[in-house]
Amino acid sequence: MVKILEKMVLGPGIKSLVIDSPLIARKSRPGQFVVLRISERGERIPLTIADWNTERGTIKIVFQEVGKTTKHLGSMNVGDEIMDVVGPMGQPSEIKFYGTVAIVAGGVGVAEAYPIARALKSVGNKVIAIIGARSKDLLIMIDEIKRFVDELFVTTDDGSTGRGGLVTDQLRDILNEGMTINRVITIGPAIMMKAVAEVTRKFNVPTVASLNPIMIDATGMCGVCRVYVGGETKFTCIDGPEFDAHKVDFDLLILRLNMYKDKEQIADRVCS
C-alpha cells in the first residue's frame, strides 16, 4: 500500500498527487512512468512520473480524469492508500548535449516535459518549450517549466491565453524563421504528436515522441502496448515510451487507442 501525501487540483479534471514511494523515487529518471492499481479489482494504468524527491522518498504523478480509474484516483485524498504502484518503468529519456532542443507538449504531457526540460538544461542545452491546451484553464505547470527553459511559447486552441491556435503553428513559424533546432521532443495526444512529426519531417529535424498506448502488464509480456516503428513491432513499456517520431505509425496507434472507447464509456456510466 502506498500513501497519498499531497493532492493538488491543477485544472478542471486535472490532479496531481505526491505519494510515498522511496524506492521508486531513488531510481526515477526523466521520461519514465509508473503503473498503479487502486484496489484488488482495479485496472492497471500507466502514469508519468512528473517529479520525484529522493530525500523525502516521494514521487509526483499528474493525470486527467478521463475514465473510471482516473476519476476514482482523482476522488482520493491525502492519507488514502493506493494498493499497488510499480516503477519506474520504461526507458529513460536520452539526456545529453544536442545544442538547441524544442519540447512540444500538449495537455497533461507538460507534466512529463517538465523533468525532461530540467535534465536537458542541466547538461547545457538551450531549451525551448512550446506548450498548449484547449483553453487557458487546462494549461498546467507553466511556472515550473519556465524555470528550466530559455524560451517559452504558450498556445491555446480557443485563444484564451498565449497564441491562439495549435502548438504546431508555433513550431512551424520558428522553423520557417530559420532558427536552428537540433532536436524536437513531443509529448501529448497522439494526433498532436503526429502533426508535430509531419512538421519536423519537412525540415529534417530529428524528433522523438513519447507514446501513450493502452497498457496492461507493462513488462513486455501481454503485447497490448505494441506500436509499429520503422517497420518493426515495438513494446512501448520496455522499448519506449520514446521513439523516433518519423518512424512511428501514428495512424495505427490512434486506431488502437480508440478500440475500447465505447466500453470505457459504459464502464464510466455504470460506476458513476
C-alpha atoms as a PDB file:
ATOM      1  CA  MET A   1       0.000   0.000   0.000  1.00  0.00           C
ATOM      2  CA  VAL A   2       1.241   3.466  -0.932  1.00  0.00           C
ATOM      3  CA  LYS A   3       0.016   6.551   0.940  1.00  0.00           C
ATOM      4  CA  ILE A   4      -1.020   9.833  -0.691  1.00  0.00           C
ATOM      5  CA  LEU A   5       0.855  12.691   0.986  1.00  0.00           C
ATOM      6  CA  GLU A   6      -0.242  15.699  -1.069  1.00  0.00           C
ATOM      7  CA  LYS A   7      -3.009  16.495  -3.532  1.00  0.00           C
ATOM      8  CA  MET A   8      -3.487  19.487  -5.826  1.00  0.00           C
ATOM      9  CA  VAL A   9      -6.096  20.446  -8.384  1.00  0.00           C
ATOM     10  CA  LEU A  10      -4.228  21.841 -11.406  1.00  0.00           C
ATOM     11  CA  GLY A  11      -7.259  22.472 -13.595  1.00  0.00           C
ATOM     12  CA  PRO A  12     -10.712  21.115 -14.417  1.00  0.00           C
ATOM     13  CA  GLY A  13     -10.364  17.356 -14.036  1.00  0.00           C
ATOM     14  CA  ILE A  14      -6.559  17.567 -13.734  1.00  0.00           C
ATOM     15  CA  LYS A  15      -4.988  16.460 -10.456  1.00  0.00           C
ATOM     16  CA  SER A  16      -1.517  15.892  -9.057  1.00  0.00           C
ATOM     17  CA  LEU A  17      -0.685  13.512  -6.234  1.00  0.00           C
ATOM     18  CA  VAL A  18       2.518  13.227  -4.262  1.00  0.00           C
ATOM     19  CA  ILE A  19       2.863   9.691  -2.955  1.00  0.00           C
ATOM     20  CA  ASP A  20       5.223   7.984  -0.555  1.00  0.00           C
ATOM     21  CA  SER A  21       7.485   5.725  -2.626  1.00  0.00           C
ATOM     22  CA  PRO A  22      11.170   5.949  -1.637  1.00  0.00           C
ATOM     23  CA  LEU A  23      12.379   3.032  -3.769  1.00  0.00           C
ATOM     24  CA  ILE A  24      10.810   4.415  -6.943  1.00  0.00           C
ATOM     25  CA  ALA A  25      11.994   7.943  -6.143  1.00  0.00           C
ATOM     26  CA  ARG A  26      15.561   6.682  -5.811  1.00  0.00           C
ATOM     27  CA  LYS A  27      15.543   5.121  -9.293  1.00  0.00           C
ATOM     28  CA  SER A  28      13.362   7.565 -11.268  1.00  0.00           C
ATOM     29  CA  ARG A  29      14.691   9.271 -14.384  1.00  0.00           C
ATOM     30  CA  PRO A  30      13.118  11.740 -16.841  1.00  0.00           C
ATOM     31  CA  GLY A  31      10.653  10.138 -19.233  1.00  0.00           C
ATOM     32  CA  GLN A  32       9.783   7.141 -17.072  1.00  0.00           C
ATOM     33  CA  PHE A  33       6.402   6.156 -15.665  1.00  0.00           C
ATOM     34  CA  VAL A  34       4.706   4.036 -13.030  1.00  0.00           C
ATOM     35  CA  VAL A  35       1.842   1.568 -13.274  1.00  0.00           C
ATOM     36  CA  LEU A  36      -0.677   1.690 -10.465  1.00  0.00           C
ATOM     37  CA  ARG A  37      -3.709  -0.251  -9.297  1.00  0.00           C
ATOM     38  CA  ILE A  38      -6.014   1.407  -6.805  1.00  0.00           C
ATOM     39  CA  SER A  39      -7.623  -1.735  -5.413  1.00  0.00           C
ATOM     40  CA  GLU A  40      -7.700  -5.515  -5.741  1.00  0.00           C
ATOM     41  CA  ARG A  41     -10.244  -5.425  -8.558  1.00  0.00           C
ATOM     42  CA  GLY A  42      -8.965  -2.275 -10.206  1.00  0.00           C
ATOM     43  CA  GLU A  43      -7.322  -1.977 -13.598  1.00  0.00           C
ATOM     44  CA  ARG A  44      -3.639  -1.212 -14.044  1.00  0.00           C
ATOM     45  CA  ILE A  45      -2.931   2.192 -15.576  1.00  0.00           C
ATOM     46  CA  PRO A  46       0.362   3.843 -16.572  1.00  0.00           C
ATOM     47  CA  LEU A  47       1.058   7.380 -15.366  1.00  0.00           C
ATOM     48  CA  THR A  48       4.094   9.549 -15.998  1.00  0.00           C
ATOM     49  CA  ILE A  49       6.415  10.416 -13.122  1.00  0.00           C
ATOM     50  CA  ALA A  50       6.202  14.209 -13.199  1.00  0.00           C
ATOM     51  CA  ASP A  51       8.770  14.720 -10.418  1.00  0.00           C
ATOM     52  CA  TRP A  52      10.491  12.964  -7.542  1.00  0.00           C
ATOM     53  CA  ASN A  53      12.320  13.793  -4.331  1.00  0.00           C
ATOM     54  CA  THR A  54      14.922  11.285  -3.184  1.00  0.00           C
ATOM     55  CA  GLU A  55      15.329  12.915   0.234  1.00  0.00           C
ATOM     56  CA  ARG A  56      11.626  12.757   1.035  1.00  0.00           C
ATOM     57  CA  GLY A  57      11.195   9.471  -0.799  1.00  0.00           C
ATOM     58  CA  THR A  58       8.281  10.762  -2.860  1.00  0.00           C
ATOM     59  CA  ILE A  59       7.123  10.858  -6.460  1.00  0.00           C
ATOM     60  CA  LYS A  60       4.557  13.096  -8.134  1.00  0.00           C
ATOM     61  CA  ILE A  61       2.019  11.885 -10.663  1.00  0.00           C
ATOM     62  CA  VAL A  62      -0.183  14.157 -12.764  1.00  0.00           C
ATOM     63  CA  PHE A  63      -3.274  12.886 -14.555  1.00  0.00           C
ATOM     64  CA  GLN A  64      -6.515  13.935 -16.188  1.00  0.00           C
ATOM     65  CA  GLU A  65      -9.777  12.339 -15.159  1.00  0.00           C
ATOM     66  CA  VAL A  66     -10.952  10.732 -18.401  1.00  0.00           C
ATOM     67  CA  GLY A  67     -12.287   7.321 -17.336  1.00  0.00           C
ATOM     68  CA  LYS A  68     -13.415   5.185 -14.425  1.00  0.00           C
ATOM     69  CA  THR A  69      -9.996   4.611 -12.853  1.00  0.00           C
ATOM     70  CA  THR A  70      -8.615   8.144 -13.207  1.00  0.00           C
ATOM     71  CA  LYS A  71     -11.865   9.565 -11.798  1.00  0.00           C
ATOM     72  CA  HIS A  72     -11.586   7.168  -8.860  1.00  0.00           C
ATOM     73  CA  LEU A  73      -7.967   8.201  -8.359  1.00  0.00           C
ATOM     74  CA  GLY A  74      -8.951  11.865  -8.530  1.00  0.00           C
ATOM     75  CA  SER A  75     -11.522  11.367  -5.780  1.00  0.00           C
ATOM     76  CA  MET A  76      -8.898  10.064  -3.347  1.00  0.00           C
ATOM     77  CA  ASN A  77      -7.453  12.355  -0.694  1.00  0.00           C
ATOM     78  CA  VAL A  78      -4.374  12.856   1.469  1.00  0.00           C
ATOM     79  CA  GLY A  79      -3.984   9.866   3.777  1.00  0.00           C
ATOM     80  CA  ASP A  80      -5.716   7.437   1.402  1.00  0.00           C
ATOM     81  CA  GLU A  81      -3.693   4.493   0.129  1.00  0.00           C
ATOM     82  CA  ILE A  82      -3.177   3.112  -3.369  1.00  0.00           C
ATOM     83  CA  MET A  83      -2.822  -0.654  -3.423  1.00  0.00           C
ATOM     84  CA  ASP A  84      -0.011  -1.067  -5.987  1.00  0.00           C
ATOM     85  CA  VAL A  85       2.490   1.314  -7.560  1.00  0.00           C
ATOM     86  CA  VAL A  86       5.169  -0.299  -9.727  1.00  0.00           C
ATOM     87  CA  GLY A  87       8.113   1.508 -11.276  1.00  0.00           C
ATOM     88  CA  PRO A  88       9.985   3.227 -12.567  1.00  0.00           C
ATOM     89  CA  MET A  89       9.013   1.641 -15.880  1.00  0.00           C
ATOM     90  CA  GLY A  90      10.236   2.248 -19.419  1.00  0.00           C
ATOM     91  CA  GLN A  91      13.476   3.572 -20.824  1.00  0.00           C
ATOM     92  CA  PRO A  92      14.595   6.992 -19.551  1.00  0.00           C
ATOM     93  CA  SER A  93      14.857   9.915 -21.939  1.00  0.00           C
ATOM     94  CA  GLU A  94      18.221  10.258 -23.666  1.00  0.00           C
ATOM     95  CA  ILE A  95      19.755  13.231 -21.909  1.00  0.00           C
ATOM     96  CA  LYS A  96      22.877  14.694 -23.490  1.00  0.00           C
ATOM     97  CA  PHE A  97      24.044  17.871 -25.184  1.00  0.00           C
ATOM     98  CA  TYR A  98      22.332  18.436 -28.547  1.00  0.00           C
ATOM     99  CA  GLY A  99      22.522  22.206 -28.860  1.00  0.00           C
ATOM    100  CA  THR A 100      19.013  23.597 -29.092  1.00  0.00           C
ATOM    101  CA  VAL A 101      16.123  21.355 -28.128  1.00  0.00           C
ATOM    102  CA  ALA A 102      12.460  22.197 -28.607  1.00  0.00           C
ATOM    103  CA  ILE A 103       9.993  20.418 -26.351  1.00  0.00           C
ATOM    104  CA  VAL A 104       6.474  20.455 -27.760  1.00  0.00           C
ATOM    105  CA  ALA A 105       3.898  19.347 -25.201  1.00  0.00           C
ATOM    106  CA  GLY A 106       0.135  19.356 -25.039  1.00  0.00           C
ATOM    107  CA  GLY A 107      -2.318  18.906 -22.178  1.00  0.00           C
ATOM    108  CA  VAL A 108      -1.018  16.764 -19.320  1.00  0.00           C
ATOM    109  CA  GLY A 109       2.019  15.973 -21.494  1.00  0.00           C
ATOM    110  CA  VAL A 110       3.500  19.134 -19.962  1.00  0.00           C
ATOM    111  CA  ALA A 111       3.937  17.180 -16.702  1.00  0.00           C
ATOM    112  CA  GLU A 112       6.254  14.732 -18.442  1.00  0.00           C
ATOM    113  CA  ALA A 113       8.026  17.556 -20.274  1.00  0.00           C
ATOM    114  CA  TYR A 114       8.999  19.236 -17.003  1.00  0.00           C
ATOM    115  CA  PRO A 115      11.687  16.784 -15.750  1.00  0.00           C
ATOM    116  CA  ILE A 116      12.960  16.302 -19.310  1.00  0.00           C
ATOM    117  CA  ALA A 117      13.419  20.061 -19.770  1.00  0.00           C
ATOM    118  CA  ARG A 118      15.169  20.287 -16.404  1.00  0.00           C
ATOM    119  CA  ALA A 119      17.574  17.490 -17.289  1.00  0.00           C
ATOM    120  CA  LEU A 120      18.339  18.810 -20.780  1.00  0.00           C
ATOM    121  CA  LYS A 121      19.062  22.261 -19.380  1.00  0.00           C
ATOM    122  CA  SER A 122      21.370  20.800 -16.729  1.00  0.00           C
ATOM    123  CA  VAL A 123      23.738  19.439 -19.413  1.00  0.00           C
ATOM    124  CA  GLY A 124      23.975  22.762 -21.274  1.00  0.00           C
ATOM    125  CA  ASN A 125      21.281  22.673 -23.935  1.00  0.00           C
ATOM    126  CA  LYS A 126      19.295  25.694 -24.993  1.00  0.00           C
ATOM    127  CA  VAL A 127      15.747  24.554 -24.276  1.00  0.00           C
ATOM    128  CA  ILE A 128      12.678  25.937 -25.985  1.00  0.00           C
ATOM    129  CA  ALA A 129       9.247  24.857 -24.763  1.00  0.00           C
ATOM    130  CA  ILE A 130       6.042  25.091 -26.756  1.00  0.00           C
ATOM    131  CA  ILE A 131       3.112  24.062 -24.601  1.00  0.00           C
ATOM    132  CA  GLY A 132      -0.535  24.064 -25.459  1.00  0.00           C
ATOM    133  CA  ALA A 133      -4.019  23.165 -24.314  1.00  0.00           C
ATOM    134  CA  ARG A 134      -7.590  23.589 -25.466  1.00  0.00           C
ATOM    135  CA  SER A 135      -8.065  26.588 -23.185  1.00  0.00           C
ATOM    136  CA  LYS A 136      -6.336  28.654 -20.508  1.00  0.00           C
ATOM    137  CA  ASP A 137      -7.774  26.705 -17.578  1.00  0.00           C
ATOM    138  CA  LEU A 138      -6.303  23.452 -18.904  1.00  0.00           C
ATOM    139  CA  LEU A 139      -2.713  24.728 -19.032  1.00  0.00           C
ATOM    140  CA  ILE A 140      -0.600  23.243 -16.258  1.00  0.00           C
ATOM    141  CA  MET A 141       2.839  23.691 -14.680  1.00  0.00           C
ATOM    142  CA  ILE A 142       3.754  26.834 -16.604  1.00  0.00           C
ATOM    143  CA  ASP A 143       5.671  28.374 -13.695  1.00  0.00           C
ATOM    144  CA  GLU A 144       7.569  25.141 -13.042  1.00  0.00           C
ATOM    145  CA  ILE A 145       8.715  24.563 -16.607  1.00  0.00           C
ATOM    146  CA  LYS A 146       9.531  28.257 -17.105  1.00  0.00           C
ATOM    147  CA  ARG A 147      12.418  27.887 -14.627  1.00  0.00           C
ATOM    148  CA  PHE A 148      14.279  25.484 -16.907  1.00  0.00           C
ATOM    149  CA  VAL A 149      13.730  26.831 -20.415  1.00  0.00           C
ATOM    150  CA  ASP A 150      15.303  29.658 -22.347  1.00  0.00           C
ATOM    151  CA  GLU A 151      12.134  30.480 -24.279  1.00  0.00           C
ATOM    152  CA  LEU A 152       8.534  29.549 -23.548  1.00  0.00           C
ATOM    153  CA  PHE A 153       5.683  29.724 -26.044  1.00  0.00           C
ATOM    154  CA  VAL A 154       2.100  29.120 -24.953  1.00  0.00           C
ATOM    155  CA  THR A 155      -0.776  28.295 -27.267  1.00  0.00           C
ATOM    156  CA  THR A 156      -4.467  27.649 -26.696  1.00  0.00           C
ATOM    157  CA  ASP A 157      -6.927  26.283 -29.214  1.00  0.00           C
ATOM    158  CA  ASP A 158      -9.519  28.914 -28.273  1.00  0.00           C
ATOM    159  CA  GLY A 159      -7.077  31.825 -27.923  1.00  0.00           C
ATOM    160  CA  SER A 160      -7.941  32.374 -24.243  1.00  0.00           C
ATOM    161  CA  THR A 161      -4.256  32.953 -23.468  1.00  0.00           C
ATOM    162  CA  GLY A 162      -0.998  32.990 -25.375  1.00  0.00           C
ATOM    163  CA  ARG A 163      -1.185  32.409 -29.093  1.00  0.00           C
ATOM    164  CA  GLY A 164      -4.488  31.252 -30.494  1.00  0.00           C
ATOM    165  CA  GLY A 165      -4.039  28.036 -32.428  1.00  0.00           C
ATOM    166  CA  LEU A 166      -2.033  24.840 -32.189  1.00  0.00           C
ATOM    167  CA  VAL A 167       1.465  24.062 -30.927  1.00  0.00           C
ATOM    168  CA  THR A 168       2.369  23.050 -34.478  1.00  0.00           C
ATOM    169  CA  ASP A 169       1.601  26.572 -35.698  1.00  0.00           C
ATOM    170  CA  GLN A 170       4.226  27.971 -33.316  1.00  0.00           C
ATOM    171  CA  LEU A 171       6.731  25.251 -34.145  1.00  0.00           C
ATOM    172  CA  ARG A 172       6.298  25.773 -37.884  1.00  0.00           C
ATOM    173  CA  ASP A 173       6.843  29.520 -37.531  1.00  0.00           C
ATOM    174  CA  ILE A 174      10.038  29.040 -35.540  1.00  0.00           C
ATOM    175  CA  LEU A 175      11.440  26.680 -38.151  1.00  0.00           C
ATOM    176  CA  ASN A 176      10.338  28.894 -41.038  1.00  0.00           C
ATOM    177  CA  GLU A 177      12.133  31.813 -39.408  1.00  0.00           C
ATOM    178  CA  GLY A 178      15.363  29.858 -39.708  1.00  0.00           C
ATOM    179  CA  MET A 179      16.028  29.055 -36.063  1.00  0.00           C
ATOM    180  CA  THR A 180      18.335  26.051 -35.785  1.00  0.00           C
ATOM    181  CA  ILE A 181      16.658  23.278 -33.805  1.00  0.00           C
ATOM    182  CA  ASN A 182      18.839  20.230 -33.257  1.00  0.00           C
ATOM    183  CA  ARG A 183      16.187  18.017 -31.678  1.00  0.00           C
ATOM    184  CA  VAL A 184      12.449  18.070 -31.010  1.00  0.00           C
ATOM    185  CA  ILE A 185      10.750  16.111 -28.251  1.00  0.00           C
ATOM    186  CA  THR A 186       6.971  15.894 -28.408  1.00  0.00           C
ATOM    187  CA  ILE A 187       4.646  14.687 -25.658  1.00  0.00           C
ATOM    188  CA  GLY A 188       0.861  14.737 -25.657  1.00  0.00           C
ATOM    189  CA  PRO A 189      -2.150  13.397 -27.546  1.00  0.00           C
ATOM    190  CA  ALA A 190      -1.254  11.053 -30.402  1.00  0.00           C
ATOM    191  CA  ILE A 191      -2.875  13.281 -33.023  1.00  0.00           C
ATOM    192  CA  MET A 192      -0.781  16.223 -31.815  1.00  0.00           C
ATOM    193  CA  MET A 193       2.456  14.218 -31.908  1.00  0.00           C
ATOM    194  CA  LYS A 194       1.634  13.024 -35.416  1.00  0.00           C
ATOM    195  CA  ALA A 195       1.189  16.633 -36.524  1.00  0.00           C
ATOM    196  CA  VAL A 196       4.491  17.647 -34.905  1.00  0.00           C
ATOM    197  CA  ALA A 197       6.285  14.817 -36.731  1.00  0.00           C
ATOM    198  CA  GLU A 198       4.804  15.946 -40.044  1.00  0.00           C
ATOM    199  CA  VAL A 199       6.108  19.474 -39.483  1.00  0.00           C
ATOM    200  CA  THR A 200       9.622  18.475 -38.432  1.00  0.00           C
ATOM    201  CA  ARG A 201       9.973  15.901 -41.202  1.00  0.00           C
ATOM    202  CA  LYS A 202       9.785  18.700 -43.764  1.00  0.00           C
ATOM    203  CA  PHE A 203      12.648  20.479 -42.025  1.00  0.00           C
ATOM    204  CA  ASN A 204      14.667  17.291 -41.416  1.00  0.00           C
ATOM    205  CA  VAL A 205      14.783  17.864 -37.652  1.00  0.00           C
ATOM    206  CA  PRO A 206      15.315  14.702 -35.530  1.00  0.00           C
ATOM    207  CA  THR A 207      12.159  14.210 -33.480  1.00  0.00           C
ATOM    208  CA  VAL A 208      11.284  11.935 -30.572  1.00  0.00           C
ATOM    209  CA  ALA A 209       7.722  11.164 -29.490  1.00  0.00           C
ATOM    210  CA  SER A 210       6.707   9.788 -26.104  1.00  0.00           C
ATOM    211  CA  LEU A 211       3.925   7.332 -26.926  1.00  0.00           C
ATOM    212  CA  ASN A 212       0.870   6.617 -24.823  1.00  0.00           C
ATOM    213  CA  PRO A 213      -0.832   3.392 -25.958  1.00  0.00           C
ATOM    214  CA  ILE A 214      -3.139   1.193 -23.914  1.00  0.00           C
ATOM    215  CA  MET A 215      -1.035  -0.824 -21.466  1.00  0.00           C
ATOM    216  CA  ILE A 216      -1.699  -3.693 -19.066  1.00  0.00           C
ATOM    217  CA  ASP A 217       1.210  -5.589 -17.511  1.00  0.00           C
ATOM    218  CA  ALA A 218       3.954  -3.122 -18.576  1.00  0.00           C
ATOM    219  CA  THR A 219       6.580  -5.875 -18.595  1.00  0.00           C
ATOM    220  CA  GLY A 220       6.558  -6.799 -22.293  1.00  0.00           C
ATOM    221  CA  MET A 221       4.536  -9.996 -21.856  1.00  0.00           C
ATOM    222  CA  CYS A 222       0.973  -9.049 -22.849  1.00  0.00           C
ATOM    223  CA  GLY A 223       1.775  -7.129 -26.037  1.00  0.00           C
ATOM    224  CA  VAL A 224      -1.145  -4.728 -25.592  1.00  0.00           C
ATOM    225  CA  CYS A 225       1.091  -1.650 -25.841  1.00  0.00           C
ATOM    226  CA  ARG A 226       2.653  -2.705 -29.133  1.00  0.00           C
ATOM    227  CA  VAL A 227       3.360   0.009 -31.667  1.00  0.00           C
ATOM    228  CA  TYR A 228       4.750  -0.094 -35.189  1.00  0.00           C
ATOM    229  CA  VAL A 229       8.019   1.812 -35.560  1.00  0.00           C
ATOM    230  CA  GLY A 230      10.206   1.750 -38.646  1.00  0.00           C
ATOM    231  CA  GLY A 231       8.571  -1.398 -39.931  1.00  0.00           C
ATOM    232  CA  GLU A 232       9.025  -3.273 -36.663  1.00  0.00           C
ATOM    233  CA  THR A 233       6.732  -4.056 -33.759  1.00  0.00           C
ATOM    234  CA  LYS A 234       7.911  -2.493 -30.510  1.00  0.00           C
ATOM    235  CA  PHE A 235       6.529  -2.709 -26.986  1.00  0.00           C
ATOM    236  CA  THR A 236       6.136   0.759 -25.520  1.00  0.00           C
ATOM    237  CA  CYS A 237       6.504  -0.484 -21.944  1.00  0.00           C
ATOM    238  CA  ILE A 238      10.008  -1.873 -22.358  1.00  0.00           C
ATOM    239  CA  ASP A 239      11.318  -0.413 -25.645  1.00  0.00           C
ATOM    240  CA  GLY A 240       9.862   3.044 -25.055  1.00  0.00           C
ATOM    241  CA  PRO A 241       8.000   5.144 -24.319  1.00  0.00           C
ATOM    242  CA  GLU A 242      10.154   7.358 -26.578  1.00  0.00           C
ATOM    243  CA  PHE A 243      10.621   6.517 -30.263  1.00  0.00           C
ATOM    244  CA  ASP A 244      11.750   8.213 -33.460  1.00  0.00           C
ATOM    245  CA  ALA A 245       8.607  10.139 -34.351  1.00  0.00           C
ATOM    246  CA  HIS A 246       9.350   9.997 -38.073  1.00  0.00           C
ATOM    247  CA  LYS A 247       9.187   6.196 -37.966  1.00  0.00           C
ATOM    248  CA  VAL A 248       6.061   5.775 -35.809  1.00  0.00           C
ATOM    249  CA  ASP A 249       2.857   4.562 -37.453  1.00  0.00           C
ATOM    250  CA  PHE A 250       0.626   7.113 -35.742  1.00  0.00           C
ATOM    251  CA  ASP A 251      -2.488   6.063 -37.666  1.00  0.00           C
ATOM    252  CA  LEU A 252      -2.262   2.564 -36.211  1.00  0.00           C
ATOM    253  CA  LEU A 253      -1.560   3.965 -32.734  1.00  0.00           C
ATOM    254  CA  ILE A 254      -4.642   6.202 -32.909  1.00  0.00           C
ATOM    255  CA  LEU A 255      -6.764   3.311 -34.169  1.00  0.00           C
ATOM    256  CA  ARG A 256      -5.687   1.117 -31.245  1.00  0.00           C
ATOM    257  CA  LEU A 257      -6.243   3.929 -28.732  1.00  0.00           C
ATOM    258  CA  ASN A 258      -9.851   4.221 -29.900  1.00  0.00           C
ATOM    259  CA  MET A 259     -10.638   0.488 -29.839  1.00  0.00           C
ATOM    260  CA  TYR A 260     -12.273   0.457 -26.407  1.00  0.00           C
ATOM    261  CA  LYS A 261     -13.815   3.925 -26.262  1.00  0.00           C
ATOM    262  CA  ASP A 262     -17.367   2.546 -26.223  1.00  0.00           C
ATOM    263  CA  LYS A 263     -16.572   0.089 -23.427  1.00  0.00           C
ATOM    264  CA  GLU A 264     -14.847   2.816 -21.405  1.00  0.00           C
ATOM    265  CA  GLN A 265     -17.976   4.952 -21.682  1.00  0.00           C
ATOM    266  CA  ILE A 266     -20.152   2.047 -20.498  1.00  0.00           C
ATOM    267  CA  ALA A 267     -17.865   1.399 -17.510  1.00  0.00           C
ATOM    268  CA  ASP A 268     -17.903   5.077 -16.637  1.00  0.00           C
ATOM    269  CA  ARG A 269     -21.710   5.254 -16.713  1.00  0.00           C
ATOM    270  CA  VAL A 270     -22.184   2.056 -14.717  1.00  0.00           C
ATOM    271  CA  CYS A 271     -19.734   3.023 -11.981  1.00  0.00           C
ATOM    272  CA  SER A 272     -20.526   6.728 -11.700  1.00  0.00           C
END
